[in-house]
Amino acid sequence: MKSIVYIELIVISLTVSIFNLKTINDAFSLFALGNVLWGIVPWVYVAVVSFFIKSTTKLVSILSVALTVGCLGIGIVVDTLFFHPDAQGGLAFIFIPLWQLMLFAFITPLLFLIGKKKHITSR
């Protein structure tokens, strides 16, 4: 199950990196490298959290949340790049990873708290 999570994270990270490099049009600058690294920070965080999780149920929940958040972020970036380009569109490349990272940092403790609850079984 972890391999599926890691494959999803790699696909999302590569997609984000390609779109970030497309916006900069200069793949060989430190700004481009920093922008790409900033774009994949939330996905590295999810990969590190997934590394320590043993429960399949928690991995499935992380997979679904990461897929939803990743698709929404990529959708916003595609909309900013191709459908509605404007002067403020570049801010999406700064704030989307920040919002994703904040969301994942907020959800991670909740995931572990919910997972520690005892399930009531009927007799």
Protein backbone atom coordinates (compact mmCIF):
# COMPACT_ATOMS: atom_id res chain seq x y z
CA MET A 1 0.00 0.00 0.00
CA LYS A 2 2.88 2.36 0.73
CA SER A 3 4.18 1.90 -2.79
CA ILE A 4 0.88 3.18 -4.19
CA VAL A 5 1.10 6.26 -1.95
CA TYR A 6 4.71 6.88 -3.01
CA ILE A 7 3.87 6.48 -6.72
CA GLU A 8 1.02 8.97 -6.35
CA LEU A 9 3.29 11.44 -4.57
CA ILE A 10 5.97 11.09 -7.24
CA VAL A 11 3.45 11.70 -10.04
CA ILE A 12 2.05 14.79 -8.30
CA SER A 13 5.55 16.10 -7.51
CA LEU A 14 6.73 15.66 -11.10
CA THR A 15 3.61 17.36 -12.44
CA VAL A 16 4.04 20.31 -10.08
CA SER A 17 7.75 20.54 -10.96
CA ILE A 18 7.04 20.56 -14.71
CA PHE A 19 4.42 23.30 -14.37
CA ASN A 20 6.72 25.37 -12.15
CA LEU A 21 9.55 25.08 -14.68
CA LYS A 22 7.19 25.99 -17.50
CA THR A 23 6.23 29.24 -15.79
CA ILE A 24 9.82 30.29 -15.27
CA ASN A 25 11.10 29.43 -18.79
CA ASP A 26 14.63 29.18 -17.41
CA ALA A 27 15.38 25.73 -16.06
CA PHE A 28 18.94 26.58 -15.02
CA SER A 29 18.58 29.22 -12.33
CA LEU A 30 18.57 29.09 -8.55
CA PHE A 31 15.15 30.73 -8.51
CA ALA A 32 13.76 27.91 -10.66
CA LEU A 33 15.30 25.34 -8.33
CA GLY A 34 13.88 27.07 -5.28
CA ASN A 35 10.47 27.36 -6.89
CA VAL A 36 10.42 23.66 -7.78
CA LEU A 37 11.57 22.68 -4.30
CA TRP A 38 8.90 24.90 -2.73
CA GLY A 39 6.27 23.24 -4.92
CA ILE A 40 7.13 19.74 -3.73
CA VAL A 41 7.55 20.52 -0.01
CA PRO A 42 3.96 19.41 0.87
CA TRP A 43 4.46 16.13 -0.97
CA VAL A 44 7.75 15.43 0.78
CA TYR A 45 5.94 16.03 4.07
CA VAL A 46 3.23 13.52 3.11
CA ALA A 47 5.90 10.99 2.07
CA VAL A 48 7.67 11.34 5.42
CA VAL A 49 4.41 10.93 7.33
CA SER A 50 3.48 7.91 5.18
CA PHE A 51 6.83 6.32 5.94
CA PHE A 52 5.97 6.08 9.64
CA ILE A 53 2.40 4.81 9.22
CA LYS A 54 1.77 1.09 9.52
CA SER A 55 -2.03 1.02 9.33
CA THR A 56 -3.60 0.41 5.93
CA THR A 57 -6.67 2.42 6.89
CA LYS A 58 -4.56 5.49 7.63
CA LEU A 59 -2.63 5.03 4.39
CA VAL A 60 -5.87 4.89 2.41
CA SER A 61 -7.07 8.09 4.08
CA ILE A 62 -3.75 9.81 3.37
CA LEU A 63 -3.91 8.58 -0.22
CA SER A 64 -7.40 9.98 -0.73
CA VAL A 65 -6.64 13.33 0.91
CA ALA A 66 -3.36 13.71 -0.99
CA LEU A 67 -5.03 12.82 -4.28
CA THR A 68 -7.85 15.31 -3.71
CA VAL A 69 -5.57 18.13 -2.58
CA GLY A 70 -3.05 17.38 -5.32
CA CYS A 71 -5.64 17.38 -8.09
CA LEU A 72 -7.14 20.63 -6.81
CA GLY A 73 -3.71 22.28 -6.66
CA ILE A 74 -2.75 21.08 -10.12
CA GLY A 75 -6.14 22.22 -11.43
CA ILE A 76 -5.59 25.71 -10.04
CA VAL A 77 -2.10 25.84 -11.55
CA VAL A 78 -3.39 24.69 -14.96
CA ASP A 79 -6.18 27.27 -14.79
CA THR A 80 -3.65 29.96 -13.89
CA LEU A 81 -1.24 28.98 -16.66
CA PHE A 82 -3.53 28.26 -19.59
CA PHE A 83 -7.09 29.47 -19.09
CA HIS A 84 -6.97 32.67 -17.01
CA PRO A 85 -3.44 34.07 -17.03
CA ASP A 86 -3.14 37.40 -15.28
CA ALA A 87 -0.64 39.40 -13.26
CA GLN A 88 -1.71 37.91 -9.91
CA GLY A 89 -1.64 34.34 -11.23
CA GLY A 90 2.00 33.95 -10.25
CA LEU A 91 0.99 34.17 -6.61
CA ALA A 92 -0.67 30.77 -6.99
CA PHE A 93 2.77 29.19 -7.26
CA ILE A 94 3.72 30.69 -3.91
CA PHE A 95 0.53 30.18 -1.93
CA ILE A 96 -0.79 26.82 -3.15
CA PRO A 97 2.12 24.83 -1.63
CA LEU A 98 1.76 26.87 1.56
CA TRP A 99 -1.96 26.09 1.83
CA GLN A 100 -1.36 22.43 1.03
CA LEU A 101 1.37 22.17 3.65
CA MET A 102 -0.83 23.87 6.26
CA LEU A 103 -3.70 21.52 5.43
CA PHE A 104 -1.50 18.43 5.71
CA ALA A 105 0.07 19.69 8.95
CA PHE A 106 -3.43 20.21 10.38
CA ILE A 107 -4.79 16.86 9.21
CA THR A 108 -1.85 14.72 10.38
CA PRO A 109 -2.45 15.07 14.15
CA LEU A 110 -6.18 14.56 13.59
CA LEU A 111 -5.42 11.37 11.70
CA PHE A 112 -3.37 10.00 14.55
CA LEU A 113 -5.90 11.07 17.20
CA ILE A 114 -8.78 9.44 15.36
CA GLY A 115 -6.74 6.30 14.84
CA LYS A 116 -6.12 5.86 18.59
CA LYS A 117 -9.80 5.72 19.48
CA LYS A 118 -11.04 2.32 20.55
CA HIS A 119 -13.67 0.87 18.29
CA ILE A 120 -16.82 -0.27 20.06
CA THR A 121 -17.84 -3.72 19.02
CA SER A 122 -21.38 -4.99 19.42
CA ARG A 123 -21.95 -8.17 21.38
